[in-house]
Each structure stands twice: as structure tokens, then as C-alpha cells.
Amino acid sequence: MKLALYVLLIVSCIASCKKTIEKAQEAAAIDAITSGYWIVTKFQKGSTEITDSFSGYKFQFKENHTVDALKSNVIEMSGHWEADVSSRTIDANFTNASSPLTFLNGRWLITNSTWTSVDATLTIDGEKRELHLKKE
């Protein structure tokens, strides 16, 4: 009986520690995402490179899960974003956006990231998109 109680206590502690670690990882990711401005250094849509379409844009992600797309330092459009640290994904949505912002909509799989850069991929209708962001 005592052994079962100890095992239950240990399992509870492990589960609690795991949640604490996940929350710390999420807080660190949110901090990295929301500090500073991000620029597109590469955007590949299928076999077509369209990085130049993002020239002059920078993006500011905010803690309230909105993101501003600025062109020439003026907010052109605001959207919504949501990160999932455990699945290494980020959802982006610019409602009623036109090109090139519409190409950012969807659930991106983060393939590599540092405090100052992010590489991500997204596949829509069989077309692979590659995005490289760098902190300005």
C-alpha cells in the first residue's frame, strides 16, 4: 500500500515537472518571437523564389497574438499568430490579405530556429513553401 502511494507521488511529481518545463519553454519561445522585428530573407513557393515580394516588409509579433506587417515602417495589415512549442509549429493568419501576405497564412512547421532566425515549411495542396525569417 505504501509502495503504491510512493509510486503515485513520484508520477505526480514527474508530470508536474514536465508541465513546468513546457511552460518555461513556451515562455522563452514567446519572448524570442515577440522581441524585435522580423524580416523575410527567403521565401520559396514551390519552385519559384518570391523573396523580393517581401522587400520592405518587417513583422512585429505581439504577446496578444497579433502580428503587424509593416511596409516602409507603416502598418499595412495586422494578423493573428499562435505558436505550439511541443509540435514546433506556428499558425499565421492575415484575414483578407493580398499577395504576398496571403502566402504566410497557414500552419508552419519550424525546421530550425535560433533567437535571431527561423526556418519553416508549409505544404498547401501539394505545394511546398519555405520561409526563412531573420530578426532585424
C-alpha atoms as a PDB file:
ATOM      1  CA  MET A   1       0.000   0.000   0.000  1.00  0.00           C
ATOM      2  CA  LYS A   2       2.771   2.429   0.953  1.00  0.00           C
ATOM      3  CA  LEU A   3       4.682   1.491  -2.209  1.00  0.00           C
ATOM      4  CA  ALA A   4       1.671   2.328  -4.377  1.00  0.00           C
ATOM      5  CA  LEU A   5       1.344   5.676  -2.616  1.00  0.00           C
ATOM      6  CA  TYR A   6       5.033   6.478  -3.195  1.00  0.00           C
ATOM      7  CA  VAL A   7       4.789   5.497  -6.862  1.00  0.00           C
ATOM      8  CA  LEU A   8       1.712   7.687  -7.277  1.00  0.00           C
ATOM      9  CA  LEU A   9       3.507  10.589  -5.599  1.00  0.00           C
ATOM     10  CA  ILE A  10       6.565  10.194  -7.847  1.00  0.00           C
ATOM     11  CA  VAL A  11       4.431  10.003 -11.008  1.00  0.00           C
ATOM     12  CA  SER A  12       2.572  13.155  -9.930  1.00  0.00           C
ATOM     13  CA  CYS A  13       5.847  14.998  -9.342  1.00  0.00           C
ATOM     14  CA  ILE A  14       7.214  13.950 -12.733  1.00  0.00           C
ATOM     15  CA  ALA A  15       4.041  15.101 -14.503  1.00  0.00           C
ATOM     16  CA  SER A  16       4.169  18.406 -12.636  1.00  0.00           C
ATOM     17  CA  CYS A  17       7.836  18.940 -13.546  1.00  0.00           C
ATOM     18  CA  LYS A  18       7.093  18.199 -17.198  1.00  0.00           C
ATOM     19  CA  LYS A  19       4.338  20.843 -17.258  1.00  0.00           C
ATOM     20  CA  THR A  20       6.657  23.362 -15.597  1.00  0.00           C
ATOM     21  CA  ILE A  21       9.360  22.697 -18.192  1.00  0.00           C
ATOM     22  CA  GLU A  22       6.849  23.005 -21.063  1.00  0.00           C
ATOM     23  CA  LYS A  23       5.584  26.327 -19.681  1.00  0.00           C
ATOM     24  CA  ALA A  24       9.156  27.628 -19.358  1.00  0.00           C
ATOM     25  CA  GLN A  25       9.915  26.581 -22.952  1.00  0.00           C
ATOM     26  CA  GLU A  26       6.739  28.273 -24.158  1.00  0.00           C
ATOM     27  CA  ALA A  27       7.568  31.484 -22.272  1.00  0.00           C
ATOM     28  CA  ALA A  28      11.074  31.531 -23.770  1.00  0.00           C
ATOM     29  CA  ALA A  29       9.685  30.964 -27.278  1.00  0.00           C
ATOM     30  CA  ILE A  30       7.100  33.743 -26.864  1.00  0.00           C
ATOM     31  CA  ASP A  31       9.839  36.084 -25.650  1.00  0.00           C
ATOM     32  CA  ALA A  32      12.023  35.265 -28.661  1.00  0.00           C
ATOM     33  CA  ILE A  33       9.129  35.720 -31.089  1.00  0.00           C
ATOM     34  CA  THR A  34       7.799  38.980 -29.650  1.00  0.00           C
ATOM     35  CA  SER A  35      11.036  40.876 -29.152  1.00  0.00           C
ATOM     36  CA  GLY A  36      12.084  42.939 -32.148  1.00  0.00           C
ATOM     37  CA  TYR A  37      11.139  42.900 -35.809  1.00  0.00           C
ATOM     38  CA  TRP A  38      11.457  40.025 -38.274  1.00  0.00           C
ATOM     39  CA  ILE A  39      12.250  40.228 -41.992  1.00  0.00           C
ATOM     40  CA  VAL A  40      11.823  37.614 -44.719  1.00  0.00           C
ATOM     41  CA  THR A  41      15.252  36.648 -46.043  1.00  0.00           C
ATOM     42  CA  LYS A  42      13.943  33.829 -48.250  1.00  0.00           C
ATOM     43  CA  PHE A  43      10.540  32.693 -49.448  1.00  0.00           C
ATOM     44  CA  GLN A  44      10.253  29.784 -51.836  1.00  0.00           C
ATOM     45  CA  LYS A  45       6.786  28.938 -53.192  1.00  0.00           C
ATOM     46  CA  GLY A  46       7.074  25.602 -54.940  1.00  0.00           C
ATOM     47  CA  SER A  47       9.922  26.038 -57.413  1.00  0.00           C
ATOM     48  CA  THR A  48       9.508  29.828 -57.508  1.00  0.00           C
ATOM     49  CA  GLU A  49      11.588  32.160 -55.367  1.00  0.00           C
ATOM     50  CA  ILE A  50       9.416  35.134 -54.328  1.00  0.00           C
ATOM     51  CA  THR A  51      11.616  36.684 -51.647  1.00  0.00           C
ATOM     52  CA  ASP A  52      11.621  40.039 -53.481  1.00  0.00           C
ATOM     53  CA  SER A  53       7.843  40.266 -52.966  1.00  0.00           C
ATOM     54  CA  PHE A  54       8.566  40.781 -49.254  1.00  0.00           C
ATOM     55  CA  SER A  55      11.080  43.571 -49.839  1.00  0.00           C
ATOM     56  CA  GLY A  56      10.389  46.466 -47.464  1.00  0.00           C
ATOM     57  CA  TYR A  57       8.266  44.351 -45.117  1.00  0.00           C
ATOM     58  CA  LYS A  58       9.016  43.676 -41.491  1.00  0.00           C
ATOM     59  CA  PHE A  59       6.859  41.862 -38.986  1.00  0.00           C
ATOM     60  CA  GLN A  60       6.250  42.578 -35.326  1.00  0.00           C
ATOM     61  CA  PHE A  61       4.761  39.721 -33.318  1.00  0.00           C
ATOM     62  CA  LYS A  62       2.997  40.797 -30.133  1.00  0.00           C
ATOM     63  CA  GLU A  63       2.233  38.952 -26.891  1.00  0.00           C
ATOM     64  CA  ASN A  64      -1.520  39.328 -27.511  1.00  0.00           C
ATOM     65  CA  HIS A  65      -1.028  37.015 -30.537  1.00  0.00           C
ATOM     66  CA  THR A  66      -1.421  39.726 -33.146  1.00  0.00           C
ATOM     67  CA  VAL A  67       1.242  40.394 -35.750  1.00  0.00           C
ATOM     68  CA  ASP A  68       1.728  43.640 -37.647  1.00  0.00           C
ATOM     69  CA  ALA A  69       3.017  43.575 -41.216  1.00  0.00           C
ATOM     70  CA  LEU A  70       4.832  46.855 -41.724  1.00  0.00           C
ATOM     71  CA  LYS A  71       5.902  48.115 -45.131  1.00  0.00           C
ATOM     72  CA  SER A  72       8.208  51.117 -45.130  1.00  0.00           C
ATOM     73  CA  ASN A  73       7.584  51.331 -41.354  1.00  0.00           C
ATOM     74  CA  VAL A  74       3.805  51.751 -41.790  1.00  0.00           C
ATOM     75  CA  ILE A  75       1.381  49.037 -40.650  1.00  0.00           C
ATOM     76  CA  GLU A  76      -0.093  47.606 -43.835  1.00  0.00           C
ATOM     77  CA  MET A  77      -2.086  44.866 -42.132  1.00  0.00           C
ATOM     78  CA  SER A  78      -2.483  43.116 -38.801  1.00  0.00           C
ATOM     79  CA  GLY A  79      -2.976  39.407 -38.444  1.00  0.00           C
ATOM     80  CA  HIS A  80      -3.082  36.674 -35.830  1.00  0.00           C
ATOM     81  CA  TRP A  81      -0.480  34.112 -34.809  1.00  0.00           C
ATOM     82  CA  GLU A  82      -0.371  31.134 -32.449  1.00  0.00           C
ATOM     83  CA  ALA A  83       2.687  29.062 -31.527  1.00  0.00           C
ATOM     84  CA  ASP A  84       2.760  25.456 -30.324  1.00  0.00           C
ATOM     85  CA  VAL A  85       6.139  24.700 -28.778  1.00  0.00           C
ATOM     86  CA  SER A  86       5.554  20.956 -28.407  1.00  0.00           C
ATOM     87  CA  SER A  87       4.705  20.456 -32.097  1.00  0.00           C
ATOM     88  CA  ARG A  88       7.181  23.151 -33.269  1.00  0.00           C
ATOM     89  CA  THR A  89       4.507  24.911 -35.299  1.00  0.00           C
ATOM     90  CA  ILE A  90       3.254  28.443 -35.699  1.00  0.00           C
ATOM     91  CA  ASP A  91      -0.084  29.369 -37.229  1.00  0.00           C
ATOM     92  CA  ALA A  92      -0.309  32.661 -39.095  1.00  0.00           C
ATOM     93  CA  ASN A  93      -3.426  34.289 -40.479  1.00  0.00           C
ATOM     94  CA  PHE A  94      -3.778  37.597 -42.267  1.00  0.00           C
ATOM     95  CA  THR A  95      -7.528  37.734 -42.965  1.00  0.00           C
ATOM     96  CA  ASN A  96      -8.438  39.079 -46.426  1.00  0.00           C
ATOM     97  CA  ALA A  97      -4.764  39.587 -47.242  1.00  0.00           C
ATOM     98  CA  SER A  98      -3.446  40.059 -50.727  1.00  0.00           C
ATOM     99  CA  SER A  99      -0.125  38.932 -52.148  1.00  0.00           C
ATOM    100  CA  PRO A 100       2.417  38.469 -50.674  1.00  0.00           C
ATOM    101  CA  LEU A 101       0.910  38.375 -47.152  1.00  0.00           C
ATOM    102  CA  THR A 102      -1.620  35.701 -48.113  1.00  0.00           C
ATOM    103  CA  PHE A 103       1.297  33.304 -48.710  1.00  0.00           C
ATOM    104  CA  LEU A 104       2.091  33.445 -44.977  1.00  0.00           C
ATOM    105  CA  ASN A 105      -1.300  32.045 -43.928  1.00  0.00           C
ATOM    106  CA  GLY A 106      -1.260  28.514 -42.551  1.00  0.00           C
ATOM    107  CA  ARG A 107       0.428  26.217 -40.036  1.00  0.00           C
ATOM    108  CA  TRP A 108       4.198  26.404 -40.450  1.00  0.00           C
ATOM    109  CA  LEU A 109       6.473  23.625 -39.237  1.00  0.00           C
ATOM    110  CA  ILE A 110       9.593  25.139 -37.701  1.00  0.00           C
ATOM    111  CA  THR A 111      12.566  23.176 -39.016  1.00  0.00           C
ATOM    112  CA  ASN A 112      15.292  25.269 -37.386  1.00  0.00           C
ATOM    113  CA  SER A 113      15.314  28.234 -35.045  1.00  0.00           C
ATOM    114  CA  THR A 114      17.617  30.424 -33.001  1.00  0.00           C
ATOM    115  CA  TRP A 115      16.972  33.621 -31.036  1.00  0.00           C
ATOM    116  CA  THR A 116      17.519  35.579 -34.270  1.00  0.00           C
ATOM    117  CA  SER A 117      16.332  33.333 -37.104  1.00  0.00           C
ATOM    118  CA  VAL A 118      13.604  30.867 -38.049  1.00  0.00           C
ATOM    119  CA  ASP A 119      13.361  28.351 -40.891  1.00  0.00           C
ATOM    120  CA  ALA A 120       9.918  26.899 -41.554  1.00  0.00           C
ATOM    121  CA  THR A 121       7.999  24.915 -44.153  1.00  0.00           C
ATOM    122  CA  LEU A 122       4.349  24.699 -45.118  1.00  0.00           C
ATOM    123  CA  THR A 123       2.673  22.488 -47.709  1.00  0.00           C
ATOM    124  CA  ILE A 124      -0.624  23.582 -49.259  1.00  0.00           C
ATOM    125  CA  ASP A 125      -2.301  21.471 -51.963  1.00  0.00           C
ATOM    126  CA  GLY A 126       0.974  19.626 -52.579  1.00  0.00           C
ATOM    127  CA  GLU A 127       2.985  22.830 -52.969  1.00  0.00           C
ATOM    128  CA  LYS A 128       5.849  23.212 -50.509  1.00  0.00           C
ATOM    129  CA  ARG A 129       6.670  26.672 -49.202  1.00  0.00           C
ATOM    130  CA  GLU A 130       9.906  27.545 -47.438  1.00  0.00           C
ATOM    131  CA  LEU A 131      10.272  30.578 -45.217  1.00  0.00           C
ATOM    132  CA  HIS A 132      13.418  31.999 -43.646  1.00  0.00           C
ATOM    133  CA  LEU A 133      12.992  34.850 -41.163  1.00  0.00           C
ATOM    134  CA  LYS A 134      15.738  36.870 -39.548  1.00  0.00           C
ATOM    135  CA  LYS A 135      15.472  39.270 -36.649  1.00  0.00           C
ATOM    136  CA  GLU A 136      16.238  42.821 -37.722  1.00  0.00           C
END
